[in-house]
PDB file of all heavy atoms in Angstrom:
ATOM      1  N   VAL A   1      18.961   0.688  10.474  1.00  0.00           N
ATOM      2  CA  VAL A   1      20.101   0.646   9.602  1.00  0.00           C
ATOM      3  C   VAL A   1      19.948  -0.489   8.592  1.00  0.00           C
ATOM      4  O   VAL A   1      20.166  -0.335   7.408  1.00  0.00           O
ATOM      5  CB  VAL A   1      21.437   0.528  10.382  1.00  0.00           C
ATOM      6  CG1 VAL A   1      22.613   0.147   9.455  1.00  0.00           C
ATOM      7  CG2 VAL A   1      21.731   1.818  11.131  1.00  0.00           C
ATOM      8  N   LEU A   2      19.526  -1.651   9.082  1.00  0.00           N
ATOM      9  CA  LEU A   2      19.343  -2.811   8.179  1.00  0.00           C
ATOM     10  C   LEU A   2      18.192  -2.555   7.202  1.00  0.00           C
ATOM     11  O   LEU A   2      18.297  -2.895   6.014  1.00  0.00           O
ATOM     12  CB  LEU A   2      19.098  -4.071   8.984  1.00  0.00           C
ATOM     13  CG  LEU A   2      20.333  -4.546   9.802  1.00  0.00           C
ATOM     14  CD1 LEU A   2      19.935  -5.677  10.722  1.00  0.00           C
ATOM     15  CD2 LEU A   2      21.464  -4.960   8.875  1.00  0.00           C
ATOM     16  N   LEU A   3      17.096  -1.955   7.688  1.00  0.00           N
ATOM     17  CA  LEU A   3      15.969  -1.682   6.814  1.00  0.00           C
ATOM     18  C   LEU A   3      16.325  -0.682   5.741  1.00  0.00           C
ATOM     19  O   LEU A   3      15.971  -0.823   4.564  1.00  0.00           O
ATOM     20  CB  LEU A   3      14.753  -1.203   7.642  1.00  0.00           C
ATOM     21  CG  LEU A   3      14.024  -2.256   8.418  1.00  0.00           C
ATOM     22  CD1 LEU A   3      13.091  -1.625   9.443  1.00  0.00           C
ATOM     23  CD2 LEU A   3      13.279  -3.212   7.518  1.00  0.00           C
ATOM     24  N   ARG A   4      17.060   0.383   6.099  1.00  0.00           N
ATOM     25  CA  ARG A   4      17.479   1.393   5.104  1.00  0.00           C
ATOM     26  C   ARG A   4      18.429   0.769   4.081  1.00  0.00           C
ATOM     27  O   ARG A   4      18.313   1.062   2.873  1.00  0.00           O
ATOM     28  CB  ARG A   4      18.153   2.576   5.787  1.00  0.00           C
ATOM     29  CG  ARG A   4      17.177   3.593   6.279  1.00  0.00           C
ATOM     30  CD  ARG A   4      17.892   4.890   6.709  1.00  0.00           C
ATOM     31  NE  ARG A   4      17.416   5.170   8.043  1.00  0.00           N
ATOM     32  CZ  ARG A   4      18.146   5.062   9.151  1.00  0.00           C
ATOM     33  NH1 ARG A   4      19.385   4.664   9.112  1.00  0.00           N
ATOM     34  NH2 ARG A   4      17.618   5.305  10.345  1.00  0.00           N
ATOM     35  N   THR A   5      19.313  -0.075   4.535  1.00  0.00           N
ATOM     36  CA  THR A   5      20.235  -0.743   3.628  1.00  0.00           C
ATOM     37  C   THR A   5      19.452  -1.648   2.674  1.00  0.00           C
ATOM     38  O   THR A   5      19.732  -1.705   1.474  1.00  0.00           O
ATOM     39  CB  THR A   5      21.300  -1.552   4.403  1.00  0.00           C
ATOM     40  OG1 THR A   5      22.006  -0.649   5.267  1.00  0.00           O
ATOM     41  CG2 THR A   5      22.265  -2.266   3.466  1.00  0.00           C
ATOM     42  N   ARG A   6      18.464  -2.352   3.195  1.00  0.00           N
ATOM     43  CA  ARG A   6      17.624  -3.214   2.400  1.00  0.00           C
ATOM     44  C   ARG A   6      16.935  -2.396   1.261  1.00  0.00           C
ATOM     45  O   ARG A   6      16.950  -2.782   0.107  1.00  0.00           O
ATOM     46  CB  ARG A   6      16.561  -3.896   3.249  1.00  0.00           C
ATOM     47  CG  ARG A   6      15.604  -4.736   2.480  1.00  0.00           C
ATOM     48  CD  ARG A   6      14.391  -5.201   3.351  1.00  0.00           C
ATOM     49  NE  ARG A   6      13.374  -5.693   2.499  1.00  0.00           N
ATOM     50  CZ  ARG A   6      12.393  -4.914   1.972  1.00  0.00           C
ATOM     51  NH1 ARG A   6      12.351  -3.651   2.210  1.00  0.00           N
ATOM     52  NH2 ARG A   6      11.490  -5.449   1.190  1.00  0.00           N
ATOM     53  N   LEU A   7      16.367  -1.255   1.624  1.00  0.00           N
ATOM     54  CA  LEU A   7      15.693  -0.404   0.623  1.00  0.00           C
ATOM     55  C   LEU A   7      16.686   0.096  -0.443  1.00  0.00           C
ATOM     56  O   LEU A   7      16.358   0.083  -1.640  1.00  0.00           O
ATOM     57  CB  LEU A   7      14.985   0.765   1.294  1.00  0.00           C
ATOM     58  CG  LEU A   7      13.750   0.427   2.080  1.00  0.00           C
ATOM     59  CD1 LEU A   7      13.221   1.663   2.809  1.00  0.00           C
ATOM     60  CD2 LEU A   7      12.675  -0.161   1.217  1.00  0.00           C
ATOM     61  N   ARG A   8      17.864   0.477   0.006  1.00  0.00           N
ATOM     62  CA  ARG A   8      18.876   0.966  -0.963  1.00  0.00           C
ATOM     63  C   ARG A   8      19.263  -0.161  -1.944  1.00  0.00           C
ATOM     64  O   ARG A   8      19.298   0.053  -3.139  1.00  0.00           O
ATOM     65  CB  ARG A   8      20.108   1.466  -0.223  1.00  0.00           C
ATOM     66  CG  ARG A   8      21.202   1.987  -1.202  1.00  0.00           C
ATOM     67  CD  ARG A   8      22.446   2.435  -0.453  1.00  0.00           C
ATOM     68  NE  ARG A   8      23.036   1.464   0.388  1.00  0.00           N
ATOM     69  CZ  ARG A   8      23.859   0.461  -0.036  1.00  0.00           C
ATOM     70  NH1 ARG A   8      24.098   0.313  -1.311  1.00  0.00           N
ATOM     71  NH2 ARG A   8      24.382  -0.402   0.834  1.00  0.00           N
ATOM     72  N   LEU A   9      19.539  -1.342  -1.400  1.00  0.00           N
ATOM     73  CA  LEU A   9      19.932  -2.454  -2.256  1.00  0.00           C
ATOM     74  C   LEU A   9      18.796  -2.898  -3.162  1.00  0.00           C
ATOM     75  O   LEU A   9      19.030  -3.203  -4.328  1.00  0.00           O
ATOM     76  CB  LEU A   9      20.453  -3.609  -1.432  1.00  0.00           C
ATOM     77  CG  LEU A   9      21.971  -3.735  -1.382  1.00  0.00           C
ATOM     78  CD1 LEU A   9      22.610  -2.576  -0.730  1.00  0.00           C
ATOM     79  CD2 LEU A   9      22.405  -5.040  -0.838  1.00  0.00           C
ATOM     80  N   LEU A  10      17.558  -2.903  -2.671  1.00  0.00           N
ATOM     81  CA  LEU A  10      16.441  -3.253  -3.525  1.00  0.00           C
ATOM     82  C   LEU A  10      16.335  -2.312  -4.722  1.00  0.00           C
ATOM     83  O   LEU A  10      16.080  -2.724  -5.824  1.00  0.00           O
ATOM     84  CB  LEU A  10      15.124  -3.250  -2.717  1.00  0.00           C
ATOM     85  CG  LEU A  10      14.819  -4.493  -1.888  1.00  0.00           C
ATOM     86  CD1 LEU A  10      13.538  -4.289  -1.125  1.00  0.00           C
ATOM     87  CD2 LEU A  10      14.704  -5.728  -2.782  1.00  0.00           C
ATOM     88  N   ALA A  11      16.518  -0.988  -4.443  1.00  0.00           N
ATOM     89  CA  ALA A  11      16.451  -0.005  -5.537  1.00  0.00           C
ATOM     90  C   ALA A  11      17.554  -0.256  -6.573  1.00  0.00           C
ATOM     91  O   ALA A  11      17.384   0.092  -7.742  1.00  0.00           O
ATOM     92  CB  ALA A  11      16.583   1.390  -4.953  1.00  0.00           C
ATOM     93  N   GLU A  12      18.656  -0.884  -6.166  1.00  0.00           N
ATOM     94  CA  GLU A  12      19.773  -1.159  -7.059  1.00  0.00           C
ATOM     95  C   GLU A  12      19.728  -2.601  -7.599  1.00  0.00           C
ATOM     96  O   GLU A  12      20.621  -3.034  -8.272  1.00  0.00           O
ATOM     97  CB  GLU A  12      21.083  -0.930  -6.323  1.00  0.00           C
ATOM     98  CG  GLU A  12      21.296   0.474  -5.826  1.00  0.00           C
ATOM     99  CD  GLU A  12      22.445   0.637  -4.857  1.00  0.00           C
ATOM    100  OE1 GLU A  12      23.119  -0.371  -4.553  1.00  0.00           O
ATOM    101  OE2 GLU A  12      22.655   1.785  -4.417  1.00  0.00           O
ATOM    102  N   GLY A  13      18.634  -3.327  -7.262  1.00  0.00           N
ATOM    103  CA  GLY A  13      18.529  -4.712  -7.721  1.00  0.00           C
ATOM    104  C   GLY A  13      19.175  -5.717  -6.829  1.00  0.00           C
ATOM    105  O   GLY A  13      19.329  -6.888  -7.186  1.00  0.00           O
ATOM    106  N   GLY A  14      19.523  -5.334  -5.594  1.00  0.00           N
ATOM    107  CA  GLY A  14      20.230  -6.236  -4.660  1.00  0.00           C
ATOM    108  C   GLY A  14      19.323  -6.647  -3.506  1.00  0.00           C
ATOM    109  O   GLY A  14      18.139  -6.377  -3.485  1.00  0.00           O
ATOM    110  N   HIS A  15      19.969  -7.311  -2.518  1.00  0.00           N
ATOM    111  CA  HIS A  15      19.238  -7.860  -1.383  1.00  0.00           C
ATOM    112  C   HIS A  15      20.080  -7.807  -0.108  1.00  0.00           C
ATOM    113  O   HIS A  15      21.299  -7.939  -0.167  1.00  0.00           O
ATOM    114  CB  HIS A  15      18.855  -9.337  -1.592  1.00  0.00           C
ATOM    115  CG  HIS A  15      17.922  -9.521  -2.732  1.00  0.00           C
ATOM    116  ND1 HIS A  15      16.579  -9.334  -2.633  1.00  0.00           N
ATOM    117  CD2 HIS A  15      18.141  -9.940  -3.998  1.00  0.00           C
ATOM    118  CE1 HIS A  15      15.994  -9.580  -3.782  1.00  0.00           C
ATOM    119  NE2 HIS A  15      16.924  -9.945  -4.632  1.00  0.00           N
ATOM    120  N   VAL A  16      19.381  -7.694   1.022  1.00  0.00           N
ATOM    121  CA  VAL A  16      19.976  -7.912   2.326  1.00  0.00           C
ATOM    122  C   VAL A  16      19.267  -9.077   2.924  1.00  0.00           C
ATOM    123  O   VAL A  16      18.023  -9.104   2.991  1.00  0.00           O
ATOM    124  CB  VAL A  16      19.838  -6.688   3.263  1.00  0.00           C
ATOM    125  CG1 VAL A  16      20.361  -7.004   4.660  1.00  0.00           C
ATOM    126  CG2 VAL A  16      20.582  -5.461   2.707  1.00  0.00           C
ATOM    127  N   ASP A  17      19.999 -10.112   3.309  1.00  0.00           N
ATOM    128  CA  ASP A  17      19.413 -11.305   3.869  1.00  0.00           C
ATOM    129  C   ASP A  17      19.961 -11.501   5.299  1.00  0.00           C
ATOM    130  O   ASP A  17      21.071 -11.062   5.611  1.00  0.00           O
ATOM    131  CB  ASP A  17      19.786 -12.550   3.050  1.00  0.00           C
ATOM    132  CG  ASP A  17      19.217 -12.446   1.635  1.00  0.00           C
ATOM    133  OD1 ASP A  17      18.119 -11.899   1.473  1.00  0.00           O
ATOM    134  OD2 ASP A  17      19.870 -12.967   0.704  1.00  0.00           O
ATOM    135  N   LEU A  18      19.148 -12.143   6.131  1.00  0.00           N
ATOM    136  CA  LEU A  18      19.522 -12.430   7.513  1.00  0.00           C
ATOM    137  C   LEU A  18      19.754 -13.904   7.680  1.00  0.00           C
ATOM    138  O   LEU A  18      19.065 -14.721   7.073  1.00  0.00           O
ATOM    139  CB  LEU A  18      18.408 -11.965   8.451  1.00  0.00           C
ATOM    140  CG  LEU A  18      17.972 -10.522   8.332  1.00  0.00           C
ATOM    141  CD1 LEU A  18      16.757 -10.257   9.223  1.00  0.00           C
ATOM    142  CD2 LEU A  18      19.089  -9.540   8.634  1.00  0.00           C
ATOM    143  N   ALA A  19      20.721 -14.262   8.509  1.00  0.00           N
ATOM    144  CA  ALA A  19      21.014 -15.662   8.784  1.00  0.00           C
ATOM    145  C   ALA A  19      21.261 -15.849  10.269  1.00  0.00           C
ATOM    146  O   ALA A  19      21.838 -14.999  10.922  1.00  0.00           O
ATOM    147  CB  ALA A  19      22.229 -16.113   7.991  1.00  0.00           C
ATOM    148  N   GLY A  20      20.828 -17.006  10.815  1.00  0.00           N
ATOM    149  CA  GLY A  20      21.127 -17.363  12.162  1.00  0.00           C
ATOM    150  C   GLY A  20      20.503 -16.523  13.226  1.00  0.00           C
ATOM    151  O   GLY A  20      21.092 -16.339  14.287  1.00  0.00           O
ATOM    152  N   LEU A  21      19.280 -16.024  12.999  1.00  0.00           N
ATOM    153  CA  LEU A  21      18.639 -15.187  14.023  1.00  0.00           C
ATOM    154  C   LEU A  21      18.331 -16.014  15.277  1.00  0.00           C
ATOM    155  O   LEU A  21      17.661 -17.018  15.212  1.00  0.00           O
ATOM    156  CB  LEU A  21      17.301 -14.627  13.477  1.00  0.00           C
ATOM    157  CG  LEU A  21      17.409 -13.512  12.457  1.00  0.00           C
ATOM    158  CD1 LEU A  21      16.043 -13.272  11.834  1.00  0.00           C
ATOM    159  CD2 LEU A  21      17.971 -12.270  13.074  1.00  0.00           C
ATOM    160  N   ARG A  22      18.874 -15.527  16.404  1.00  0.00           N
ATOM    161  CA  ARG A  22      18.592 -16.195  17.677  1.00  0.00           C
ATOM    162  C   ARG A  22      17.299 -15.641  18.249  1.00  0.00           C
ATOM    163  O   ARG A  22      16.884 -14.535  17.879  1.00  0.00           O
ATOM    164  CB  ARG A  22      19.750 -15.920  18.642  1.00  0.00           C
ATOM    165  CG  ARG A  22      21.035 -16.637  18.158  1.00  0.00           C
ATOM    166  CD  ARG A  22      22.269 -16.182  18.848  1.00  0.00           C
ATOM    167  NE  ARG A  22      22.110 -16.023  20.290  1.00  0.00           N
ATOM    168  CZ  ARG A  22      23.112 -15.811  21.110  1.00  0.00           C
ATOM    169  NH1 ARG A  22      24.356 -15.779  20.651  1.00  0.00           N
ATOM    170  NH2 ARG A  22      22.944 -15.655  22.391  1.00  0.00           N
ATOM    171  N   PRO A  23      16.592 -16.387  19.103  1.00  0.00           N
ATOM    172  CA  PRO A  23      15.277 -15.981  19.586  1.00  0.00           C
ATOM    173  C   PRO A  23      15.154 -14.529  20.083  1.00  0.00           C
ATOM    174  O   PRO A  23      14.203 -13.838  19.659  1.00  0.00           O
ATOM    175  CB  PRO A  23      14.976 -16.982  20.703  1.00  0.00           C
ATOM    176  CG  PRO A  23      15.683 -18.231  20.272  1.00  0.00           C
ATOM    177  CD  PRO A  23      16.983 -17.718  19.638  1.00  0.00           C
ATOM    178  N   PRO A  24      16.042 -14.012  20.892  1.00  0.00           N
ATOM    179  CA  PRO A  24      15.835 -12.614  21.360  1.00  0.00           C
ATOM    180  C   PRO A  24      15.877 -11.585  20.217  1.00  0.00           C
ATOM    181  O   PRO A  24      15.123 -10.627  20.201  1.00  0.00           O
ATOM    182  CB  PRO A  24      16.984 -12.368  22.347  1.00  0.00           C
ATOM    183  CG  PRO A  24      17.544 -13.712  22.673  1.00  0.00           C
ATOM    184  CD  PRO A  24      17.220 -14.584  21.526  1.00  0.00           C
ATOM    185  N   VAL A  25      16.778 -11.803  19.246  1.00  0.00           N
ATOM    186  CA  VAL A  25      16.902 -10.890  18.115  1.00  0.00           C
ATOM    187  C   VAL A  25      15.790 -11.157  17.151  1.00  0.00           C
ATOM    188  O   VAL A  25      15.163 -10.198  16.613  1.00  0.00           O
ATOM    189  CB  VAL A  25      18.296 -11.021  17.454  1.00  0.00           C
ATOM    190  CG1 VAL A  25      18.396 -10.193  16.221  1.00  0.00           C
ATOM    191  CG2 VAL A  25      19.379 -10.681  18.450  1.00  0.00           C
ATOM    192  N   ARG A  26      15.468 -12.402  16.889  1.00  0.00           N
ATOM    193  CA  ARG A  26      14.361 -12.728  15.997  1.00  0.00           C
ATOM    194  C   ARG A  26      13.076 -12.059  16.470  1.00  0.00           C
ATOM    195  O   ARG A  26      12.262 -11.590  15.653  1.00  0.00           O
ATOM    196  CB  ARG A  26      14.189 -14.259  15.926  1.00  0.00           C
ATOM    197  CG  ARG A  26      13.137 -14.689  14.946  1.00  0.00           C
ATOM    198  CD  ARG A  26      13.037 -16.226  14.896  1.00  0.00           C
ATOM    199  NE  ARG A  26      12.307 -16.633  13.723  1.00  0.00           N
ATOM    200  CZ  ARG A  26      12.839 -16.779  12.521  1.00  0.00           C
ATOM    201  NH1 ARG A  26      14.113 -16.563  12.322  1.00  0.00           N
ATOM    202  NH2 ARG A  26      12.079 -17.097  11.506  1.00  0.00           N
ATOM    203  N   ARG A  27      12.888 -11.994  17.763  1.00  0.00           N
ATOM    204  CA  ARG A  27      11.654 -11.448  18.335  1.00  0.00           C
ATOM    205  C   ARG A  27      11.474  -9.971  17.919  1.00  0.00           C
ATOM    206  O   ARG A  27      10.367  -9.557  17.586  1.00  0.00           O
ATOM    207  CB  ARG A  27      11.684 -11.579  19.855  1.00  0.00           C
ATOM    208  CG  ARG A  27      10.438 -11.092  20.547  1.00  0.00           C
ATOM    209  CD  ARG A  27       9.343 -12.113  20.392  1.00  0.00           C
ATOM    210  NE  ARG A  27       8.154 -11.618  21.082  1.00  0.00           N
ATOM    211  CZ  ARG A  27       6.945 -11.508  20.541  1.00  0.00           C
ATOM    212  NH1 ARG A  27       6.738 -11.943  19.323  1.00  0.00           N
ATOM    213  NH2 ARG A  27       5.957 -11.051  21.222  1.00  0.00           N
ATOM    214  N   ILE A  28      12.530  -9.167  17.940  1.00  0.00           N
ATOM    215  CA  ILE A  28      12.413  -7.754  17.569  1.00  0.00           C
ATOM    216  C   ILE A  28      12.013  -7.639  16.099  1.00  0.00           C
ATOM    217  O   ILE A  28      11.243  -6.791  15.707  1.00  0.00           O
ATOM    218  CB  ILE A  28      13.668  -6.928  17.892  1.00  0.00           C
ATOM    219  CG1 ILE A  28      13.432  -5.429  17.682  1.00  0.00           C
ATOM    220  CG2 ILE A  28      14.855  -7.332  17.042  1.00  0.00           C
ATOM    221  CD1 ILE A  28      12.611  -4.783  18.710  1.00  0.00           C
TER     222      ILE A  28
END
């Protein structure tokens, strides 16, 4: 879901950014 949203926003000139990734989530 996040990757698809990133692609959509990039196509529109936007961005999806991540903040505060904890180790278990960062690992994926």
